[in-house]
């Protein structure tokens, strides 16, 4: 995951995406948190590229990921970001539905899933 983050900081999004996808393949074999962490990073890559469709798909996968252990990301950040994408896509009802799922939880110190 560190290599993916390095590519992200260099704005080399194709290499970062490939790195995270490889990490997910490896992580899926062991039911680890790597998949959730990779999905989380992929969502930020797609957001930076304004690729709302891919971002939405990744966020919907992330919210269902059993490896997602950070309560803030699970209950606050991800539902809010899903709501925002639906809003941008003009799907107001779905945006409101996801907005209503957001729970206000302060971020945990050191709890970043990445």
C-alpha atoms as a PDB file:
ATOM      1  CA  UNK A   1       0.000   0.000   0.000  1.00  0.00           C
ATOM      2  CA  UNK A   2       2.926   2.336   0.629  1.00  0.00           C
ATOM      3  CA  UNK A   3       3.955   2.159  -3.027  1.00  0.00           C
ATOM      4  CA  UNK A   4       0.406   3.047  -4.069  1.00  0.00           C
ATOM      5  CA  UNK A   5       0.464   6.102  -1.810  1.00  0.00           C
ATOM      6  CA  UNK A   6       3.771   7.154  -3.342  1.00  0.00           C
ATOM      7  CA  UNK A   7       2.249   6.971  -6.820  1.00  0.00           C
ATOM      8  CA  UNK A   8      -0.732   8.974  -5.572  1.00  0.00           C
ATOM      9  CA  UNK A   9       1.480  11.790  -4.288  1.00  0.00           C
ATOM     10  CA  UNK A  10       3.162  11.853  -7.701  1.00  0.00           C
ATOM     11  CA  UNK A  11      -0.307  11.943  -9.309  1.00  0.00           C
ATOM     12  CA  UNK A  12       0.543   8.775 -11.211  1.00  0.00           C
ATOM     13  CA  UNK A  13      -2.978   7.472 -10.771  1.00  0.00           C
ATOM     14  CA  UNK A  14      -2.776   4.535 -13.222  1.00  0.00           C
ATOM     15  CA  UNK A  15       0.186   3.047 -11.327  1.00  0.00           C
ATOM     16  CA  UNK A  16      -1.466   3.736  -7.969  1.00  0.00           C
ATOM     17  CA  UNK A  17      -4.672   2.070  -9.145  1.00  0.00           C
ATOM     18  CA  UNK A  18      -2.801  -0.996 -10.383  1.00  0.00           C
ATOM     19  CA  UNK A  19      -0.863  -1.225  -7.104  1.00  0.00           C
ATOM     20  CA  UNK A  20      -4.062  -1.124  -5.032  1.00  0.00           C
ATOM     21  CA  UNK A  21      -5.794  -3.662  -7.269  1.00  0.00           C
ATOM     22  CA  UNK A  22      -2.843  -6.049  -6.859  1.00  0.00           C
ATOM     23  CA  UNK A  23      -2.954  -5.532  -3.090  1.00  0.00           C
ATOM     24  CA  UNK A  24      -6.672  -6.364  -3.125  1.00  0.00           C
ATOM     25  CA  UNK A  25      -6.038  -9.629  -4.974  1.00  0.00           C
ATOM     26  CA  UNK A  26      -3.486 -10.587  -2.341  1.00  0.00           C
ATOM     27  CA  UNK A  27      -5.613  -9.365   0.581  1.00  0.00           C
ATOM     28  CA  UNK A  28      -8.708 -11.249  -0.553  1.00  0.00           C
ATOM     29  CA  UNK A  29      -6.848 -14.520  -0.103  1.00  0.00           C
ATOM     30  CA  UNK A  30      -6.389 -13.853   3.599  1.00  0.00           C
ATOM     31  CA  UNK A  31      -9.559 -11.942   4.576  1.00  0.00           C
ATOM     32  CA  UNK A  32      -7.367  -9.067   5.691  1.00  0.00           C
ATOM     33  CA  UNK A  33      -7.978  -5.352   5.966  1.00  0.00           C
ATOM     34  CA  UNK A  34      -5.868  -4.801   2.837  1.00  0.00           C
ATOM     35  CA  UNK A  35      -8.936  -4.927   0.596  1.00  0.00           C
ATOM     36  CA  UNK A  36     -10.737  -2.244   2.601  1.00  0.00           C
ATOM     37  CA  UNK A  37      -7.623  -0.092   2.685  1.00  0.00           C
ATOM     38  CA  UNK A  38      -7.150  -0.473  -1.066  1.00  0.00           C
ATOM     39  CA  UNK A  39     -10.787   0.352  -1.806  1.00  0.00           C
ATOM     40  CA  UNK A  40     -10.509   3.424   0.414  1.00  0.00           C
ATOM     41  CA  UNK A  41      -7.420   4.646  -1.468  1.00  0.00           C
ATOM     42  CA  UNK A  42      -8.998   3.844  -4.858  1.00  0.00           C
ATOM     43  CA  UNK A  43     -11.999   5.998  -3.963  1.00  0.00           C
ATOM     44  CA  UNK A  44      -9.683   8.972  -3.434  1.00  0.00           C
ATOM     45  CA  UNK A  45      -7.906   8.320  -6.733  1.00  0.00           C
ATOM     46  CA  UNK A  46     -11.207   8.316  -8.607  1.00  0.00           C
ATOM     47  CA  UNK A  47     -12.324  11.440  -6.772  1.00  0.00           C
ATOM     48  CA  UNK A  48      -9.101  13.228  -7.770  1.00  0.00           C
ATOM     49  CA  UNK A  49      -9.799  12.246 -11.375  1.00  0.00           C
ATOM     50  CA  UNK A  50     -13.461  13.281 -11.076  1.00  0.00           C
ATOM     51  CA  UNK A  51     -14.462   9.766 -12.130  1.00  0.00           C
ATOM     52  CA  UNK A  52     -17.737   9.721 -10.221  1.00  0.00           C
ATOM     53  CA  UNK A  53     -19.053   6.424 -11.588  1.00  0.00           C
ATOM     54  CA  UNK A  54     -15.949   4.462 -10.553  1.00  0.00           C
ATOM     55  CA  UNK A  55     -15.775   6.299  -7.256  1.00  0.00           C
ATOM     56  CA  UNK A  56     -19.364   5.339  -6.487  1.00  0.00           C
ATOM     57  CA  UNK A  57     -18.770   1.672  -7.310  1.00  0.00           C
ATOM     58  CA  UNK A  58     -15.673   1.549  -5.110  1.00  0.00           C
ATOM     59  CA  UNK A  59     -17.403   3.328  -2.211  1.00  0.00           C
ATOM     60  CA  UNK A  60     -20.349   0.922  -2.389  1.00  0.00           C
ATOM     61  CA  UNK A  61     -17.892  -1.988  -2.264  1.00  0.00           C
ATOM     62  CA  UNK A  62     -16.007  -0.350   0.597  1.00  0.00           C
ATOM     63  CA  UNK A  63     -19.120   0.074   2.749  1.00  0.00           C
ATOM     64  CA  UNK A  64     -19.729  -3.710   2.453  1.00  0.00           C
ATOM     65  CA  UNK A  65     -16.118  -4.712   3.032  1.00  0.00           C
ATOM     66  CA  UNK A  66     -15.674  -6.951   6.092  1.00  0.00           C
ATOM     67  CA  UNK A  67     -12.155  -5.574   6.522  1.00  0.00           C
ATOM     68  CA  UNK A  68     -13.366  -2.020   7.134  1.00  0.00           C
ATOM     69  CA  UNK A  69     -12.686  -1.523  10.830  1.00  0.00           C
ATOM     70  CA  UNK A  70     -12.472   2.255  11.184  1.00  0.00           C
ATOM     71  CA  UNK A  71     -15.861   3.313  12.583  1.00  0.00           C
ATOM     72  CA  UNK A  72     -15.507   6.902  11.327  1.00  0.00           C
ATOM     73  CA  UNK A  73     -14.823   5.776   7.756  1.00  0.00           C
ATOM     74  CA  UNK A  74     -17.638   3.205   7.923  1.00  0.00           C
ATOM     75  CA  UNK A  75     -20.370   5.323   9.503  1.00  0.00           C
ATOM     76  CA  UNK A  76     -19.467   8.924   8.649  1.00  0.00           C
ATOM     77  CA  UNK A  77     -17.010   9.451   5.826  1.00  0.00           C
ATOM     78  CA  UNK A  78     -18.094   6.779   3.340  1.00  0.00           C
ATOM     79  CA  UNK A  79     -21.879   7.338   3.548  1.00  0.00           C
ATOM     80  CA  UNK A  80     -21.297  11.107   3.223  1.00  0.00           C
ATOM     81  CA  UNK A  81     -19.091  10.620   0.173  1.00  0.00           C
ATOM     82  CA  UNK A  82     -21.654   8.242  -1.393  1.00  0.00           C
ATOM     83  CA  UNK A  83     -24.351  10.868  -0.817  1.00  0.00           C
ATOM     84  CA  UNK A  84     -22.173  13.514  -2.452  1.00  0.00           C
ATOM     85  CA  UNK A  85     -21.548  11.373  -5.534  1.00  0.00           C
ATOM     86  CA  UNK A  86     -25.256  10.673  -5.944  1.00  0.00           C
ATOM     87  CA  UNK A  87     -25.873  14.422  -5.613  1.00  0.00           C
ATOM     88  CA  UNK A  88     -23.311  15.193  -8.344  1.00  0.00           C
ATOM     89  CA  UNK A  89     -24.904  12.524 -10.553  1.00  0.00           C
ATOM     90  CA  UNK A  90     -28.301  14.180 -10.063  1.00  0.00           C
ATOM     91  CA  UNK A  91     -29.800  11.273  -8.139  1.00  0.00           C
ATOM     92  CA  UNK A  92     -31.366  13.356  -5.379  1.00  0.00           C
ATOM     93  CA  UNK A  93     -33.395  10.612  -3.677  1.00  0.00           C
ATOM     94  CA  UNK A  94     -30.383   8.319  -3.336  1.00  0.00           C
ATOM     95  CA  UNK A  95     -28.264  11.254  -2.175  1.00  0.00           C
ATOM     96  CA  UNK A  96     -30.778  12.013   0.578  1.00  0.00           C
ATOM     97  CA  UNK A  97     -31.058   8.332   1.519  1.00  0.00           C
ATOM     98  CA  UNK A  98     -27.288   8.095   2.033  1.00  0.00           C
ATOM     99  CA  UNK A  99     -27.126  11.473   3.762  1.00  0.00           C
ATOM    100  CA  UNK A 100     -29.594  10.139   6.323  1.00  0.00           C
ATOM    101  CA  UNK A 101     -27.261   7.186   7.014  1.00  0.00           C
ATOM    102  CA  UNK A 102     -24.376   9.442   8.058  1.00  0.00           C
ATOM    103  CA  UNK A 103     -23.580   9.203  11.759  1.00  0.00           C
ATOM    104  CA  UNK A 104     -21.559  12.023  13.234  1.00  0.00           C
ATOM    105  CA  UNK A 105     -18.573  10.302  14.797  1.00  0.00           C
ATOM    106  CA  UNK A 106     -15.281  12.085  15.384  1.00  0.00           C
ATOM    107  CA  UNK A 107     -12.287  10.570  13.573  1.00  0.00           C
ATOM    108  CA  UNK A 108     -10.287   8.156  15.700  1.00  0.00           C
ATOM    109  CA  UNK A 109      -6.710   9.086  16.451  1.00  0.00           C
ATOM    110  CA  UNK A 110      -4.534   6.838  14.376  1.00  0.00           C
ATOM    111  CA  UNK A 111      -7.653   5.174  13.014  1.00  0.00           C
ATOM    112  CA  UNK A 112      -7.106   5.979   9.357  1.00  0.00           C
ATOM    113  CA  UNK A 113      -7.811   2.870   7.297  1.00  0.00           C
ATOM    114  CA  UNK A 114      -4.957   3.716   5.000  1.00  0.00           C
END
